[in-house]
C-alpha atoms as a PDB file:
ATOM      1  CA  MET A   1      15.574  14.382 -51.299  1.00  0.00           C
ATOM      2  CA  LEU A   2      19.058  15.428 -50.241  1.00  0.00           C
ATOM      3  CA  ASN A   3      18.718  18.935 -48.834  1.00  0.00           C
ATOM      4  CA  LYS A   4      21.235  21.563 -47.661  1.00  0.00           C
ATOM      5  CA  ILE A   5      23.580  21.440 -50.643  1.00  0.00           C
ATOM      6  CA  ASP A   6      24.273  25.084 -49.831  1.00  0.00           C
ATOM      7  CA  LEU A   7      26.207  23.713 -46.820  1.00  0.00           C
ATOM      8  CA  THR A   8      27.763  20.636 -48.437  1.00  0.00           C
ATOM      9  CA  GLY A   9      29.000  22.253 -51.635  1.00  0.00           C
ATOM     10  CA  HIS A  10      27.334  19.632 -53.837  1.00  0.00           C
ATOM     11  CA  ALA A  11      25.754  20.709 -57.111  1.00  0.00           C
ATOM     12  CA  PRO A  12      22.009  20.254 -57.668  1.00  0.00           C
ATOM     13  CA  ALA A  13      21.428  16.857 -59.242  1.00  0.00           C
ATOM     14  CA  ARG A  14      18.894  14.142 -59.869  1.00  0.00           C
ATOM     15  CA  LEU A  15      20.493  10.772 -59.212  1.00  0.00           C
ATOM     16  CA  GLU A  16      19.800   7.185 -58.260  1.00  0.00           C
ATOM     17  CA  VAL A  17      21.195   5.625 -55.077  1.00  0.00           C
ATOM     18  CA  ASP A  18      20.580   1.941 -54.325  1.00  0.00           C
ATOM     19  CA  GLY A  19      17.777   1.893 -56.885  1.00  0.00           C
ATOM     20  CA  LEU A  20      16.004   4.908 -55.370  1.00  0.00           C
ATOM     21  CA  ALA A  21      15.662   8.325 -56.985  1.00  0.00           C
ATOM     22  CA  HIS A  22      17.197  11.245 -55.093  1.00  0.00           C
ATOM     23  CA  VAL A  23      17.262  14.962 -55.813  1.00  0.00           C
ATOM     24  CA  ARG A  24      20.050  17.125 -54.394  1.00  0.00           C
ATOM     25  CA  LEU A  25      18.780  20.607 -53.575  1.00  0.00           C
ATOM     26  CA  SER A  26      18.841  23.551 -51.210  1.00  0.00           C
ATOM     27  CA  ALA A  27      15.504  24.626 -49.785  1.00  0.00           C
ATOM     28  CA  LEU A  28      17.238  27.760 -48.506  1.00  0.00           C
ATOM     29  CA  THR A  29      18.599  29.000 -51.838  1.00  0.00           C
ATOM     30  CA  GLY A  30      16.180  27.221 -54.175  1.00  0.00           C
ATOM     31  CA  ALA A  31      19.011  25.495 -56.049  1.00  0.00           C
ATOM     32  CA  GLY A  32      17.743  22.212 -57.452  1.00  0.00           C
ATOM     33  CA  LEU A  33      14.063  22.860 -56.758  1.00  0.00           C
ATOM     34  CA  GLU A  34      13.319  22.717 -60.483  1.00  0.00           C
ATOM     35  CA  LEU A  35      14.779  19.187 -60.504  1.00  0.00           C
ATOM     36  CA  LEU A  36      12.458  18.207 -57.659  1.00  0.00           C
ATOM     37  CA  VAL A  37       9.451  19.679 -59.481  1.00  0.00           C
ATOM     38  CA  GLU A  38      10.348  17.755 -62.644  1.00  0.00           C
ATOM     39  CA  HIS A  39      10.787  14.537 -60.668  1.00  0.00           C
ATOM     40  CA  ILE A  40       7.402  14.978 -58.969  1.00  0.00           C
ATOM     41  CA  LYS A  41       5.780  15.686 -62.345  1.00  0.00           C
ATOM     42  CA  THR A  42       7.260  12.467 -63.714  1.00  0.00           C
ATOM     43  CA  LEU A  43       5.973  10.481 -60.729  1.00  0.00           C
ATOM     44  CA  ALA A  44       2.538  12.074 -61.170  1.00  0.00           C
ATOM     45  CA  GLY A  45       2.304  11.029 -64.821  1.00  0.00           C
ATOM     46  CA  PHE A  46       3.056  14.355 -66.502  1.00  0.00           C
ATOM     47  CA  ASP A  47       3.853  13.918 -70.188  1.00  0.00           C
ATOM     48  CA  ALA A  48       5.535  16.974 -71.694  1.00  0.00           C
ATOM     49  CA  ALA A  49       5.596  15.244 -75.094  1.00  0.00           C
ATOM     50  CA  ALA A  50       1.780  15.126 -75.067  1.00  0.00           C
ATOM     51  CA  SER A  51       1.359  18.915 -74.956  1.00  0.00           C
ATOM     52  CA  GLY A  52       1.937  19.112 -71.217  1.00  0.00           C
ATOM     53  CA  THR A  53      -0.845  16.778 -70.110  1.00  0.00           C
ATOM     54  CA  TYR A  54      -1.226  14.483 -67.136  1.00  0.00           C
ATOM     55  CA  SER A  55      -2.389  10.905 -67.399  1.00  0.00           C
ATOM     56  CA  ALA A  56      -3.680  11.070 -63.820  1.00  0.00           C
ATOM     57  CA  ARG A  57      -7.323  11.250 -62.889  1.00  0.00           C
ATOM     58  CA  ARG A  58      -8.878  14.543 -61.905  1.00  0.00           C
ATOM     59  CA  ARG A  59      -8.632  13.797 -58.166  1.00  0.00           C
ATOM     60  CA  HIS A  60      -4.903  13.226 -58.555  1.00  0.00           C
ATOM     61  CA  VAL A  61      -4.550  16.563 -60.304  1.00  0.00           C
ATOM     62  CA  ALA A  62      -6.542  18.242 -57.519  1.00  0.00           C
ATOM     63  CA  ALA A  63      -4.260  16.641 -54.921  1.00  0.00           C
ATOM     64  CA  LEU A  64      -1.216  17.861 -56.846  1.00  0.00           C
ATOM     65  CA  GLU A  65      -2.662  21.373 -56.989  1.00  0.00           C
ATOM     66  CA  ARG A  66      -3.186  21.328 -53.211  1.00  0.00           C
ATOM     67  CA  ALA A  67       0.364  20.070 -52.715  1.00  0.00           C
ATOM     68  CA  ALA A  68       1.678  22.848 -54.971  1.00  0.00           C
ATOM     69  CA  ASP A  69      -0.215  25.381 -52.844  1.00  0.00           C
ATOM     70  CA  HIS A  70       1.409  23.985 -49.702  1.00  0.00           C
ATOM     71  CA  VAL A  71       4.860  24.169 -51.300  1.00  0.00           C
ATOM     72  CA  ALA A  72       4.214  27.757 -52.391  1.00  0.00           C
ATOM     73  CA  ASN A  73       3.072  28.668 -48.873  1.00  0.00           C
ATOM     74  CA  ALA A  74       6.173  27.070 -47.356  1.00  0.00           C
ATOM     75  CA  ALA A  75       8.397  28.951 -49.819  1.00  0.00           C
ATOM     76  CA  ALA A  76       6.668  32.216 -48.902  1.00  0.00           C
ATOM     77  CA  GLU A  77       7.245  31.526 -45.198  1.00  0.00           C
ATOM     78  CA  LEU A  78      10.926  30.856 -45.900  1.00  0.00           C
ATOM     79  CA  GLU A  79      11.141  34.158 -47.774  1.00  0.00           C
ATOM     80  CA  ARG A  80       9.691  35.909 -44.724  1.00  0.00           C
ATOM     81  CA  GLY A  81      12.316  34.261 -42.549  1.00  0.00           C
ATOM     82  CA  MET A  82      10.160  31.654 -40.834  1.00  0.00           C
ATOM     83  CA  GLU A  83      12.094  28.515 -39.962  1.00  0.00           C
ATOM     84  CA  LEU A  84      10.475  25.255 -41.026  1.00  0.00           C
ATOM     85  CA  ALA A  85      10.753  22.307 -38.652  1.00  0.00           C
ATOM     86  CA  ALA A  86      11.260  18.850 -40.064  1.00  0.00           C
END
Protein backbone atom coordinates (compact mmCIF):
# COMPACT_ATOMS: atom_id res chain seq x y z
CA MET A 1 0.00 0.00 0.00
CA LEU A 2 1.37 3.38 -1.01
CA ASN A 3 -0.48 5.94 1.09
CA LYS A 4 -0.59 9.76 1.12
CA ILE A 5 -1.12 10.31 -2.60
CA ASP A 6 -2.95 13.46 -1.54
CA LEU A 7 0.54 14.81 -0.68
CA THR A 8 2.51 13.30 -3.57
CA GLY A 9 0.14 14.19 -6.39
CA HIS A 10 0.05 10.62 -7.71
CA ALA A 11 -3.21 9.23 -9.05
CA PRO A 12 -4.84 6.23 -7.36
CA ALA A 13 -3.56 3.07 -9.02
CA ARG A 14 -3.10 -0.65 -8.63
CA LEU A 15 0.36 -1.60 -9.86
CA GLU A 16 3.12 -4.16 -9.54
CA VAL A 17 6.59 -3.24 -8.28
CA ASP A 18 9.35 -5.87 -8.19
CA GLY A 19 6.74 -8.61 -8.51
CA LEU A 20 4.66 -7.32 -5.59
CA ALA A 21 1.19 -5.78 -5.84
CA HIS A 22 0.84 -2.20 -4.62
CA VAL A 23 -2.16 0.09 -4.35
CA ARG A 24 -1.68 3.86 -4.40
CA LEU A 25 -4.26 5.59 -2.21
CA SER A 26 -5.01 8.34 0.26
CA ALA A 27 -6.46 7.26 3.59
CA LEU A 28 -7.21 10.92 4.27
CA THR A 29 -9.33 11.61 1.18
CA GLY A 30 -10.42 8.05 0.40
CA ALA A 31 -8.98 8.21 -3.12
CA GLY A 32 -7.99 4.72 -4.21
CA LEU A 33 -9.68 2.89 -1.35
CA GLU A 34 -11.96 1.11 -3.81
CA LEU A 35 -8.83 -0.26 -5.51
CA LEU A 36 -7.59 -1.58 -2.17
CA VAL A 37 -10.96 -3.20 -1.45
CA GLU A 38 -10.95 -4.88 -4.87
CA HIS A 39 -7.38 -6.10 -4.35
CA ILE A 40 -8.25 -7.55 -0.93
CA LYS A 41 -11.33 -9.25 -2.41
CA THR A 42 -9.15 -10.83 -5.09
CA LEU A 43 -6.66 -12.07 -2.48
CA ALA A 44 -9.55 -13.47 -0.42
CA GLY A 45 -10.92 -15.48 -3.34
CA PHE A 46 -13.88 -13.30 -4.31
CA ASP A 47 -15.25 -14.22 -7.72
CA ALA A 48 -17.50 -11.53 -9.17
CA ALA A 49 -18.13 -13.72 -12.23
CA ALA A 50 -19.71 -16.37 -9.98
CA SER A 51 -22.52 -14.09 -8.76
CA GLY A 52 -20.34 -12.38 -6.18
CA THR A 53 -19.30 -15.46 -4.21
CA TYR A 54 -16.20 -16.30 -2.23
CA SER A 55 -14.32 -19.55 -2.57
CA ALA A 56 -13.03 -19.17 0.99
CA ARG A 57 -14.25 -21.22 3.91
CA ARG A 58 -16.72 -19.76 6.36
CA ARG A 59 -14.02 -18.90 8.92
CA HIS A 60 -12.19 -16.89 6.28
CA VAL A 61 -15.37 -14.98 5.49
CA ALA A 62 -15.90 -14.32 9.21
CA ALA A 63 -12.33 -13.02 9.49
CA LEU A 64 -12.91 -10.77 6.48
CA GLU A 65 -16.12 -9.45 8.05
CA ARG A 66 -14.23 -8.63 11.26
CA ALA A 67 -11.50 -6.92 9.25
CA ALA A 68 -14.14 -4.90 7.37
CA ASP A 69 -15.59 -3.81 10.72
CA HIS A 70 -12.16 -2.65 11.86
CA VAL A 71 -11.65 -0.71 8.62
CA ALA A 72 -15.08 0.90 9.00
CA ASN A 73 -14.29 1.86 12.60
CA ALA A 74 -10.95 3.37 11.56
CA ALA A 75 -12.67 5.34 8.78
CA ALA A 76 -15.23 6.64 11.27
CA GLU A 77 -12.45 7.75 13.62
CA LEU A 78 -10.74 9.56 10.74
CA GLU A 79 -14.02 11.31 9.94
CA ARG A 80 -14.22 12.47 13.56
CA GLY A 81 -10.69 13.83 13.29
CA MET A 82 -8.85 11.18 15.29
CA GLU A 83 -5.29 10.67 14.09
CA LEU A 84 -4.28 7.07 13.47
CA ALA A 85 -0.76 6.05 14.45
CA ALA A 86 1.13 3.64 12.26
